[in-house]
């Protein structure tokens, strides 16, 4: 009987949390700064404790998986041809498999969960961390090499930096002194 009464309270808490998370969508730089700060705090905690290497490895693998989703197109060109093959075809902008906000939200949630796990001694398993680090570096290099090769093969750029914008030249000036009739 208590579970039925507590369900609206829990739903209300999640609703409020979602409301505040939704408000952060416009604060892109602040969100990424907060994630960087959380990662720094997590890294300092793991360094000072000298443990929880399995948790750190799991966090790294998960963040790498999120990055791959962020860099990947929503529709894989290997499966379905989406880029124009002739000049007369319509240009389609790059759409991600994992949008930026969902990438950030999953990453911040993972870092916070990993930080909480560092307070639980059951997750401090004895491992030889240099092997985990070497394997993680090899995994990152091979994965990113494959992703970059895919980008070159299908000629897409997942970043908007360096792309042409029409900010100033698209503005329309209304002549002064002329009245609408």
N, C-alpha and C. Protein backbone atom coordinates (compact mmCIF):
# COMPACT_ATOMS: atom_id res chain seq x y z
N UNK A 1 0.82 -1.19 0.00
CA UNK A 1 0.00 0.00 0.00
C UNK A 1 0.86 1.26 0.00
N UNK A 2 2.01 1.20 0.68
CA UNK A 2 2.88 2.36 0.73
C UNK A 2 3.50 2.66 -0.63
N UNK A 3 3.77 1.60 -1.42
CA UNK A 3 4.37 1.79 -2.74
C UNK A 3 3.46 2.61 -3.65
N UNK A 4 2.17 2.39 -3.55
CA UNK A 4 1.20 3.10 -4.38
C UNK A 4 1.18 4.58 -4.01
N UNK A 5 1.31 4.88 -2.72
CA UNK A 5 1.28 6.26 -2.28
C UNK A 5 2.59 6.99 -2.58
N UNK A 6 3.71 6.27 -2.61
CA UNK A 6 5.00 6.90 -2.87
C UNK A 6 5.25 7.13 -4.36
N UNK A 7 4.55 6.44 -5.23
CA UNK A 7 4.78 6.56 -6.67
C UNK A 7 4.57 8.00 -7.17
N UNK A 8 3.51 8.71 -6.79
CA UNK A 8 3.36 10.09 -7.25
C UNK A 8 4.48 11.01 -6.73
N UNK A 9 4.97 10.73 -5.54
CA UNK A 9 6.06 11.55 -4.98
C UNK A 9 7.33 11.37 -5.81
N UNK A 10 7.64 10.12 -6.13
CA UNK A 10 8.83 9.83 -6.94
C UNK A 10 8.67 10.42 -8.34
N UNK A 11 7.50 10.27 -8.93
CA UNK A 11 7.24 10.83 -10.26
C UNK A 11 7.37 12.35 -10.23
N UNK A 12 6.89 12.97 -9.16
CA UNK A 12 7.02 14.42 -9.02
C UNK A 12 8.46 14.87 -8.92
N UNK A 13 9.28 14.11 -8.20
CA UNK A 13 10.71 14.43 -8.08
C UNK A 13 11.41 14.31 -9.43
N UNK A 14 11.11 13.23 -10.16
CA UNK A 14 11.70 13.06 -11.49
C UNK A 14 11.21 14.14 -12.45
N UNK A 15 9.97 14.55 -12.30
CA UNK A 15 9.44 15.62 -13.15
C UNK A 15 10.16 16.94 -12.90
N UNK A 16 10.42 17.25 -11.62
CA UNK A 16 11.15 18.48 -11.29
C UNK A 16 12.59 18.40 -11.79
N UNK A 17 13.21 17.24 -11.62
CA UNK A 17 14.57 17.07 -12.12
C UNK A 17 14.62 17.26 -13.63
N UNK A 18 13.67 16.67 -14.34
CA UNK A 18 13.62 16.80 -15.80
C UNK A 18 13.39 18.26 -16.20
N UNK A 19 12.59 18.98 -15.44
CA UNK A 19 12.34 20.40 -15.71
C UNK A 19 13.64 21.20 -15.65
N UNK A 20 14.44 20.97 -14.62
CA UNK A 20 15.70 21.70 -14.48
C UNK A 20 16.73 21.25 -15.51
N UNK A 21 16.75 19.98 -15.84
CA UNK A 21 17.66 19.49 -16.89
C UNK A 21 17.29 20.12 -18.22
N UNK A 22 16.00 20.21 -18.52
CA UNK A 22 15.55 20.82 -19.78
C UNK A 22 15.94 22.29 -19.86
N UNK A 23 15.98 22.97 -18.72
CA UNK A 23 16.37 24.38 -18.72
C UNK A 23 17.83 24.58 -19.08
N UNK A 24 18.65 23.53 -18.94
CA UNK A 24 20.08 23.67 -19.23
C UNK A 24 20.41 23.52 -20.71
N UNK A 25 19.43 23.24 -21.55
CA UNK A 25 19.74 23.00 -22.96
C UNK A 25 20.39 24.20 -23.64
N UNK A 26 20.07 25.40 -23.22
CA UNK A 26 20.64 26.58 -23.87
C UNK A 26 22.03 26.93 -23.34
N UNK A 27 22.44 26.35 -22.25
CA UNK A 27 23.73 26.67 -21.62
C UNK A 27 24.79 25.63 -22.00
N UNK A 28 25.10 25.53 -23.28
CA UNK A 28 25.99 24.49 -23.78
C UNK A 28 27.38 24.55 -23.14
N UNK A 29 28.01 25.70 -23.17
CA UNK A 29 29.37 25.82 -22.61
C UNK A 29 29.37 25.56 -21.11
N UNK A 30 28.37 26.04 -20.41
CA UNK A 30 28.29 25.82 -18.96
C UNK A 30 28.10 24.34 -18.64
N UNK A 31 27.27 23.65 -19.44
CA UNK A 31 27.06 22.22 -19.22
C UNK A 31 28.36 21.44 -19.38
N UNK A 32 29.10 21.73 -20.45
CA UNK A 32 30.35 21.01 -20.70
C UNK A 32 31.42 21.39 -19.68
N UNK A 33 31.39 22.62 -19.19
CA UNK A 33 32.30 23.00 -18.12
C UNK A 33 31.98 22.21 -16.85
N UNK A 34 30.69 22.06 -16.55
CA UNK A 34 30.28 21.28 -15.38
C UNK A 34 30.71 19.82 -15.52
N UNK A 35 30.58 19.25 -16.71
CA UNK A 35 31.03 17.87 -16.93
C UNK A 35 32.54 17.77 -16.75
N UNK A 36 33.28 18.73 -17.29
CA UNK A 36 34.73 18.72 -17.13
C UNK A 36 35.12 18.82 -15.66
N UNK A 37 34.41 19.66 -14.92
CA UNK A 37 34.68 19.80 -13.49
C UNK A 37 34.38 18.50 -12.74
N UNK A 38 33.28 17.85 -13.07
CA UNK A 38 32.94 16.56 -12.45
C UNK A 38 33.99 15.50 -12.78
N UNK A 39 34.46 15.47 -14.03
CA UNK A 39 35.51 14.52 -14.42
C UNK A 39 36.81 14.81 -13.67
N UNK A 40 37.13 16.08 -13.49
CA UNK A 40 38.34 16.45 -12.75
C UNK A 40 38.24 16.02 -11.29
N UNK A 41 37.09 16.26 -10.67
CA UNK A 41 36.88 15.84 -9.28
C UNK A 41 36.97 14.33 -9.17
N UNK A 42 36.37 13.61 -10.12
CA UNK A 42 36.44 12.15 -10.12
C UNK A 42 37.89 11.69 -10.26
N UNK A 43 38.62 12.28 -11.19
CA UNK A 43 40.01 11.91 -11.41
C UNK A 43 40.88 12.17 -10.18
N UNK A 44 40.67 13.30 -9.54
CA UNK A 44 41.43 13.60 -8.32
C UNK A 44 41.09 12.60 -7.22
N UNK A 45 39.82 12.26 -7.09
CA UNK A 45 39.41 11.30 -6.06
C UNK A 45 40.06 9.94 -6.31
N UNK A 46 40.03 9.46 -7.53
CA UNK A 46 40.64 8.16 -7.85
C UNK A 46 42.15 8.21 -7.63
N UNK A 47 42.78 9.33 -8.00
CA UNK A 47 44.22 9.47 -7.81
C UNK A 47 44.58 9.46 -6.32
N UNK A 48 43.82 10.17 -5.51
CA UNK A 48 44.13 10.23 -4.08
C UNK A 48 43.87 8.90 -3.37
N UNK A 49 42.83 8.19 -3.78
CA UNK A 49 42.49 6.91 -3.16
C UNK A 49 43.42 5.81 -3.66
N UNK A 50 43.93 5.96 -4.88
CA UNK A 50 44.75 4.92 -5.52
C UNK A 50 43.98 3.61 -5.64
N UNK A 51 42.77 3.70 -6.17
CA UNK A 51 41.95 2.52 -6.33
C UNK A 51 40.82 2.78 -7.32
N UNK A 52 39.88 1.85 -7.36
CA UNK A 52 38.69 1.94 -8.21
C UNK A 52 39.05 2.02 -9.69
N UNK A 53 40.05 1.25 -10.09
CA UNK A 53 40.50 1.27 -11.49
C UNK A 53 39.49 0.59 -12.41
N UNK A 54 38.79 -0.41 -11.90
CA UNK A 54 37.75 -1.07 -12.71
C UNK A 54 36.61 -0.10 -13.00
N UNK A 55 36.23 0.68 -12.00
CA UNK A 55 35.17 1.68 -12.19
C UNK A 55 35.64 2.71 -13.22
N UNK A 56 36.88 3.14 -13.12
CA UNK A 56 37.42 4.12 -14.07
C UNK A 56 37.48 3.55 -15.48
N UNK A 57 37.86 2.29 -15.59
CA UNK A 57 37.91 1.64 -16.90
C UNK A 57 36.50 1.55 -17.51
N UNK A 58 35.54 1.15 -16.70
CA UNK A 58 34.15 1.08 -17.17
C UNK A 58 33.64 2.44 -17.59
N UNK A 59 33.97 3.47 -16.82
CA UNK A 59 33.56 4.83 -17.17
C UNK A 59 34.20 5.25 -18.50
N UNK A 60 35.47 4.94 -18.67
CA UNK A 60 36.16 5.28 -19.92
C UNK A 60 35.55 4.60 -21.12
N UNK A 61 35.24 3.31 -20.99
CA UNK A 61 34.62 2.56 -22.09
C UNK A 61 33.25 3.15 -22.43
N UNK A 62 32.48 3.48 -21.40
CA UNK A 62 31.15 4.04 -21.62
C UNK A 62 31.24 5.40 -22.32
N UNK A 63 32.17 6.26 -21.86
CA UNK A 63 32.33 7.57 -22.49
C UNK A 63 32.82 7.43 -23.94
N UNK A 64 33.67 6.45 -24.20
CA UNK A 64 34.11 6.19 -25.58
C UNK A 64 32.93 5.76 -26.45
N UNK A 65 32.07 4.92 -25.90
CA UNK A 65 30.88 4.49 -26.63
C UNK A 65 29.97 5.68 -26.94
N UNK A 66 29.81 6.58 -25.98
CA UNK A 66 29.01 7.78 -26.22
C UNK A 66 29.64 8.65 -27.31
N UNK A 67 30.96 8.79 -27.28
CA UNK A 67 31.66 9.59 -28.28
C UNK A 67 31.48 9.01 -29.68
N UNK A 68 31.52 7.70 -29.78
CA UNK A 68 31.31 7.06 -31.09
C UNK A 68 29.91 7.35 -31.60
N UNK A 69 28.91 7.27 -30.72
CA UNK A 69 27.55 7.60 -31.12
C UNK A 69 27.40 9.05 -31.52
N UNK A 70 28.14 9.94 -30.85
CA UNK A 70 28.10 11.36 -31.16
C UNK A 70 28.73 11.66 -32.51
N UNK A 71 29.79 10.94 -32.85
CA UNK A 71 30.48 11.17 -34.12
C UNK A 71 29.86 10.44 -35.30
N UNK A 72 28.94 9.52 -35.03
CA UNK A 72 28.35 8.70 -36.09
C UNK A 72 27.11 9.36 -36.67
N UNK A 73 26.88 9.18 -37.97
CA UNK A 73 25.65 9.71 -38.56
C UNK A 73 24.44 8.88 -38.13
N UNK A 74 23.28 9.52 -38.12
CA UNK A 74 22.05 8.83 -37.70
C UNK A 74 21.75 7.66 -38.63
N UNK A 75 21.97 7.84 -39.91
CA UNK A 75 21.77 6.78 -40.89
C UNK A 75 23.14 6.43 -41.46
N UNK A 76 23.54 5.18 -41.30
CA UNK A 76 24.86 4.76 -41.76
C UNK A 76 24.89 4.70 -43.28
N UNK A 77 25.79 5.45 -43.92
CA UNK A 77 25.85 5.43 -45.39
C UNK A 77 26.25 4.08 -45.97
N UNK A 78 26.87 3.22 -45.17
CA UNK A 78 27.20 1.88 -45.67
C UNK A 78 25.94 1.06 -45.92
N UNK A 79 24.93 1.31 -45.11
CA UNK A 79 23.68 0.56 -45.22
C UNK A 79 22.74 1.23 -46.21
N UNK A 80 22.61 2.54 -46.11
CA UNK A 80 21.69 3.29 -46.97
C UNK A 80 22.41 4.51 -47.53
N UNK A 81 22.32 4.71 -48.80
CA UNK A 81 22.97 5.85 -49.44
C UNK A 81 22.19 7.12 -49.09
N UNK A 82 22.81 8.04 -48.33
CA UNK A 82 22.12 9.26 -47.94
C UNK A 82 22.77 10.51 -48.51
N UNK A 83 24.00 10.43 -48.93
CA UNK A 83 24.67 11.61 -49.48
C UNK A 83 24.36 11.73 -50.96
N UNK A 84 24.30 12.95 -51.47
CA UNK A 84 23.98 13.13 -52.88
C UNK A 84 25.09 12.56 -53.77
N UNK A 85 24.68 11.89 -54.83
CA UNK A 85 25.65 11.32 -55.77
C UNK A 85 25.82 12.21 -56.99
N UNK A 86 24.87 13.10 -57.22
CA UNK A 86 25.00 14.06 -58.31
C UNK A 86 24.74 15.44 -57.75
N UNK A 87 25.10 16.47 -58.53
CA UNK A 87 24.92 17.84 -58.06
C UNK A 87 23.45 18.23 -57.96
N UNK A 88 22.59 17.58 -58.71
CA UNK A 88 21.18 17.96 -58.70
C UNK A 88 20.45 17.45 -57.46
N UNK A 89 21.04 16.50 -56.74
CA UNK A 89 20.38 15.98 -55.54
C UNK A 89 20.45 17.00 -54.41
N UNK A 90 19.49 16.90 -53.52
CA UNK A 90 19.40 17.83 -52.39
C UNK A 90 20.47 17.51 -51.34
N UNK A 91 21.06 18.58 -50.78
CA UNK A 91 22.04 18.43 -49.70
C UNK A 91 21.32 18.14 -48.40
N UNK A 92 21.80 17.16 -47.67
CA UNK A 92 21.23 16.84 -46.36
C UNK A 92 22.29 17.12 -45.31
N UNK A 93 21.97 17.92 -44.30
CA UNK A 93 22.96 18.22 -43.27
C UNK A 93 23.25 16.98 -42.41
N UNK A 94 24.39 17.02 -41.73
CA UNK A 94 24.79 15.90 -40.89
C UNK A 94 23.89 15.82 -39.66
N UNK A 95 23.27 14.67 -39.46
CA UNK A 95 22.49 14.43 -38.25
C UNK A 95 23.17 13.30 -37.49
N UNK A 96 23.30 13.49 -36.20
CA UNK A 96 24.02 12.55 -35.35
C UNK A 96 23.15 11.41 -34.89
N UNK A 97 23.81 10.28 -34.63
CA UNK A 97 23.12 9.15 -34.02
C UNK A 97 22.76 9.50 -32.57
N UNK A 98 23.65 10.23 -31.89
CA UNK A 98 23.44 10.65 -30.50
C UNK A 98 23.57 12.17 -30.44
N UNK A 99 22.48 12.89 -30.22
CA UNK A 99 22.55 14.36 -30.16
C UNK A 99 23.45 14.84 -29.02
N UNK A 100 23.92 16.08 -29.15
CA UNK A 100 24.85 16.65 -28.17
C UNK A 100 24.29 16.65 -26.76
N UNK A 101 23.03 17.05 -26.59
CA UNK A 101 22.46 17.14 -25.25
C UNK A 101 22.35 15.76 -24.60
N UNK A 102 21.92 14.77 -25.38
CA UNK A 102 21.82 13.41 -24.82
C UNK A 102 23.21 12.86 -24.50
N UNK A 103 24.19 13.21 -25.32
CA UNK A 103 25.58 12.82 -25.05
C UNK A 103 26.03 13.40 -23.72
N UNK A 104 25.80 14.71 -23.53
CA UNK A 104 26.20 15.36 -22.29
C UNK A 104 25.47 14.76 -21.09
N UNK A 105 24.17 14.56 -21.22
CA UNK A 105 23.38 14.07 -20.10
C UNK A 105 23.80 12.66 -19.69
N UNK A 106 24.03 11.79 -20.66
CA UNK A 106 24.49 10.43 -20.35
C UNK A 106 25.88 10.46 -19.74
N UNK A 107 26.74 11.35 -20.22
CA UNK A 107 28.11 11.44 -19.69
C UNK A 107 28.11 11.96 -18.26
N UNK A 108 27.34 13.00 -17.97
CA UNK A 108 27.33 13.55 -16.60
C UNK A 108 26.72 12.55 -15.64
N UNK A 109 25.70 11.84 -16.09
CA UNK A 109 25.09 10.81 -15.25
C UNK A 109 26.09 9.69 -14.96
N UNK A 110 26.86 9.28 -15.96
CA UNK A 110 27.85 8.22 -15.78
C UNK A 110 28.96 8.66 -14.82
N UNK A 111 29.41 9.89 -14.95
CA UNK A 111 30.47 10.38 -14.06
C UNK A 111 29.97 10.47 -12.62
N UNK A 112 28.74 10.91 -12.44
CA UNK A 112 28.18 10.99 -11.08
C UNK A 112 27.99 9.60 -10.48
N UNK A 113 27.54 8.64 -11.27
CA UNK A 113 27.40 7.26 -10.78
C UNK A 113 28.76 6.69 -10.43
N UNK A 114 29.76 6.92 -11.27
CA UNK A 114 31.11 6.42 -11.00
C UNK A 114 31.68 7.05 -9.73
N UNK A 115 31.38 8.33 -9.52
CA UNK A 115 31.84 9.00 -8.30
C UNK A 115 31.19 8.38 -7.07
N UNK A 116 29.91 8.09 -7.14
CA UNK A 116 29.22 7.43 -6.02
C UNK A 116 29.82 6.05 -5.78
N UNK A 117 30.15 5.33 -6.84
CA UNK A 117 30.72 3.98 -6.69
C UNK A 117 32.07 4.02 -5.98
N UNK A 118 32.79 5.14 -6.05
CA UNK A 118 34.07 5.23 -5.36
C UNK A 118 33.91 5.32 -3.84
N UNK A 119 32.70 5.51 -3.37
CA UNK A 119 32.44 5.51 -1.93
C UNK A 119 32.06 4.12 -1.42
N UNK A 120 31.90 3.16 -2.32
CA UNK A 120 31.53 1.80 -1.94
C UNK A 120 32.73 0.88 -2.10
N UNK A 121 33.27 0.36 -0.99
CA UNK A 121 34.49 -0.45 -1.06
C UNK A 121 34.33 -1.74 -1.87
N UNK A 122 33.12 -2.20 -2.10
CA UNK A 122 32.91 -3.43 -2.86
C UNK A 122 33.39 -3.29 -4.31
N UNK A 123 33.46 -2.06 -4.82
CA UNK A 123 33.87 -1.82 -6.20
C UNK A 123 35.36 -1.54 -6.35
N UNK A 124 36.10 -1.57 -5.24
CA UNK A 124 37.54 -1.37 -5.30
C UNK A 124 38.23 -2.72 -5.44
N UNK A 125 38.18 -3.27 -6.64
CA UNK A 125 38.74 -4.59 -6.91
C UNK A 125 40.24 -4.46 -7.21
N UNK A 126 41.03 -5.41 -6.72
CA UNK A 126 42.48 -5.34 -6.98
C UNK A 126 42.80 -5.77 -8.42
N UNK A 127 43.29 -4.84 -9.21
CA UNK A 127 43.69 -5.12 -10.59
C UNK A 127 45.03 -4.43 -10.86
N UNK A 128 45.72 -4.91 -11.87
CA UNK A 128 46.97 -4.28 -12.30
C UNK A 128 46.59 -3.21 -13.32
N UNK A 129 46.51 -1.96 -12.87
CA UNK A 129 45.96 -0.89 -13.69
C UNK A 129 46.73 -0.59 -14.97
N UNK A 130 48.06 -0.78 -15.05
CA UNK A 130 48.73 -0.48 -16.33
C UNK A 130 48.21 -1.31 -17.51
N UNK A 131 47.78 -2.53 -17.25
CA UNK A 131 47.22 -3.35 -18.33
C UNK A 131 45.89 -2.76 -18.80
N UNK A 132 45.05 -2.34 -17.84
CA UNK A 132 43.77 -1.71 -18.21
C UNK A 132 44.01 -0.43 -19.01
N UNK A 133 44.98 0.36 -18.57
CA UNK A 133 45.27 1.61 -19.27
C UNK A 133 45.78 1.35 -20.69
N UNK A 134 46.68 0.39 -20.83
CA UNK A 134 47.22 0.06 -22.16
C UNK A 134 46.11 -0.45 -23.08
N UNK A 135 45.25 -1.32 -22.56
CA UNK A 135 44.15 -1.84 -23.36
C UNK A 135 43.19 -0.72 -23.75
N UNK A 136 42.92 0.19 -22.84
CA UNK A 136 42.02 1.31 -23.13
C UNK A 136 42.61 2.21 -24.21
N UNK A 137 43.90 2.50 -24.13
CA UNK A 137 44.55 3.35 -25.14
C UNK A 137 44.50 2.68 -26.51
N UNK A 138 44.79 1.39 -26.57
CA UNK A 138 44.71 0.65 -27.85
C UNK A 138 43.29 0.69 -28.39
N UNK A 139 42.32 0.51 -27.52
CA UNK A 139 40.92 0.54 -27.93
C UNK A 139 40.53 1.91 -28.49
N UNK A 140 40.96 2.99 -27.83
CA UNK A 140 40.65 4.34 -28.29
C UNK A 140 41.30 4.59 -29.66
N UNK A 141 42.56 4.23 -29.80
CA UNK A 141 43.27 4.48 -31.06
C UNK A 141 42.61 3.72 -32.21
N UNK A 142 42.33 2.44 -32.01
CA UNK A 142 41.73 1.65 -33.09
C UNK A 142 40.32 2.13 -33.43
N UNK A 143 39.55 2.45 -32.42
CA UNK A 143 38.17 2.91 -32.65
C UNK A 143 38.15 4.24 -33.37
N UNK A 144 38.97 5.19 -32.92
CA UNK A 144 38.96 6.50 -33.55
C UNK A 144 39.55 6.44 -34.97
N UNK A 145 40.52 5.57 -35.18
CA UNK A 145 41.08 5.39 -36.52
C UNK A 145 39.99 4.90 -37.48
N UNK A 146 39.19 3.95 -37.02
CA UNK A 146 38.09 3.44 -37.83
C UNK A 146 37.04 4.52 -38.09
N UNK A 147 36.74 5.33 -37.07
CA UNK A 147 35.73 6.38 -37.21
C UNK A 147 36.20 7.45 -38.19
N UNK A 148 37.47 7.85 -38.09
CA UNK A 148 38.00 8.87 -39.01
C UNK A 148 38.04 8.33 -40.43
N UNK A 149 38.40 7.08 -40.60
CA UNK A 149 38.40 6.45 -41.92
C UNK A 149 36.98 6.47 -42.50
N UNK A 150 35.99 6.19 -41.67
CA UNK A 150 34.59 6.21 -42.10
C UNK A 150 34.19 7.61 -42.53
N UNK A 151 34.64 8.64 -41.78
CA UNK A 151 34.33 10.03 -42.12
C UNK A 151 34.92 10.40 -43.48
N UNK A 152 36.16 10.02 -43.72
CA UNK A 152 36.79 10.32 -45.01
C UNK A 152 36.13 9.56 -46.15
N UNK A 153 35.78 8.31 -45.91
CA UNK A 153 35.19 7.49 -46.97
C UNK A 153 33.85 8.05 -47.44
N UNK A 154 33.02 8.51 -46.50
CA UNK A 154 31.68 9.00 -46.86
C UNK A 154 31.58 10.52 -46.84
N UNK A 155 32.71 11.19 -46.66
CA UNK A 155 32.81 12.65 -46.79
C UNK A 155 31.80 13.41 -45.92
N UNK A 156 31.84 13.14 -44.64
CA UNK A 156 31.02 13.93 -43.72
C UNK A 156 31.88 14.45 -42.59
N UNK A 157 31.47 15.61 -42.05
CA UNK A 157 32.18 16.22 -40.93
C UNK A 157 31.15 16.41 -39.82
N UNK A 158 31.37 15.77 -38.66
CA UNK A 158 30.37 15.86 -37.60
C UNK A 158 30.44 17.13 -36.76
N UNK A 159 31.32 18.05 -37.11
CA UNK A 159 31.46 19.28 -36.34
C UNK A 159 31.06 20.47 -37.19
N UNK A 160 30.53 21.52 -36.56
CA UNK A 160 30.10 22.69 -37.30
C UNK A 160 31.18 23.77 -37.35
N UNK A 161 32.32 23.55 -36.71
CA UNK A 161 33.41 24.54 -36.75
C UNK A 161 34.00 24.58 -38.15
N UNK A 162 34.22 25.78 -38.66
CA UNK A 162 34.82 25.92 -39.98
C UNK A 162 33.84 25.85 -41.13
N UNK A 163 32.59 25.57 -40.85
CA UNK A 163 31.60 25.52 -41.92
C UNK A 163 31.10 26.94 -42.19
N UNK A 164 30.65 27.16 -43.41
CA UNK A 164 30.19 28.48 -43.82
C UNK A 164 28.91 28.84 -43.07
N UNK A 165 28.87 30.08 -42.57
CA UNK A 165 27.66 30.59 -41.94
C UNK A 165 27.20 31.83 -42.71
N UNK A 166 25.97 32.16 -42.56
CA UNK A 166 25.40 33.28 -43.29
C UNK A 166 24.88 34.34 -42.33
N UNK A 167 25.58 34.56 -41.22
CA UNK A 167 25.14 35.49 -40.18
C UNK A 167 24.98 36.91 -40.66
N UNK A 168 26.06 37.54 -41.13
CA UNK A 168 26.02 38.95 -41.51
C UNK A 168 25.40 39.16 -42.89
N UNK A 169 25.70 38.29 -43.84
CA UNK A 169 25.22 38.53 -45.20
C UNK A 169 23.73 38.19 -45.35
N UNK A 170 23.14 37.51 -44.39
CA UNK A 170 21.73 37.14 -44.50
C UNK A 170 20.81 38.18 -43.87
N UNK A 171 21.39 39.17 -43.18
CA UNK A 171 20.56 40.19 -42.55
C UNK A 171 19.98 41.11 -43.61
N UNK A 172 18.73 41.48 -43.40
CA UNK A 172 18.04 42.38 -44.31
C UNK A 172 17.84 43.70 -43.60
N UNK A 173 18.30 44.78 -44.23
CA UNK A 173 18.14 46.10 -43.63
C UNK A 173 16.92 46.78 -44.24
N UNK A 174 16.13 47.37 -43.37
CA UNK A 174 14.96 48.12 -43.81
C UNK A 174 15.40 49.56 -44.01
N UNK A 175 15.15 50.14 -45.20
CA UNK A 175 15.55 51.54 -45.43
C UNK A 175 14.86 52.47 -44.45
N UNK A 176 15.62 53.41 -43.90
CA UNK A 176 15.07 54.35 -42.93
C UNK A 176 14.28 55.43 -43.65
N UNK A 177 13.23 55.88 -43.00
CA UNK A 177 12.43 56.96 -43.56
C UNK A 177 11.34 56.49 -44.51
N UNK A 178 11.36 55.26 -44.92
CA UNK A 178 10.34 54.75 -45.83
C UNK A 178 9.22 54.16 -44.99
N UNK A 179 8.02 54.56 -45.29
CA UNK A 179 6.86 54.05 -44.57
C UNK A 179 6.15 53.02 -45.42
N UNK A 180 5.59 52.04 -44.74
CA UNK A 180 4.79 51.04 -45.44
C UNK A 180 3.46 51.65 -45.84
N UNK A 181 3.03 51.41 -47.05
CA UNK A 181 1.76 51.97 -47.51
C UNK A 181 0.76 50.89 -47.70
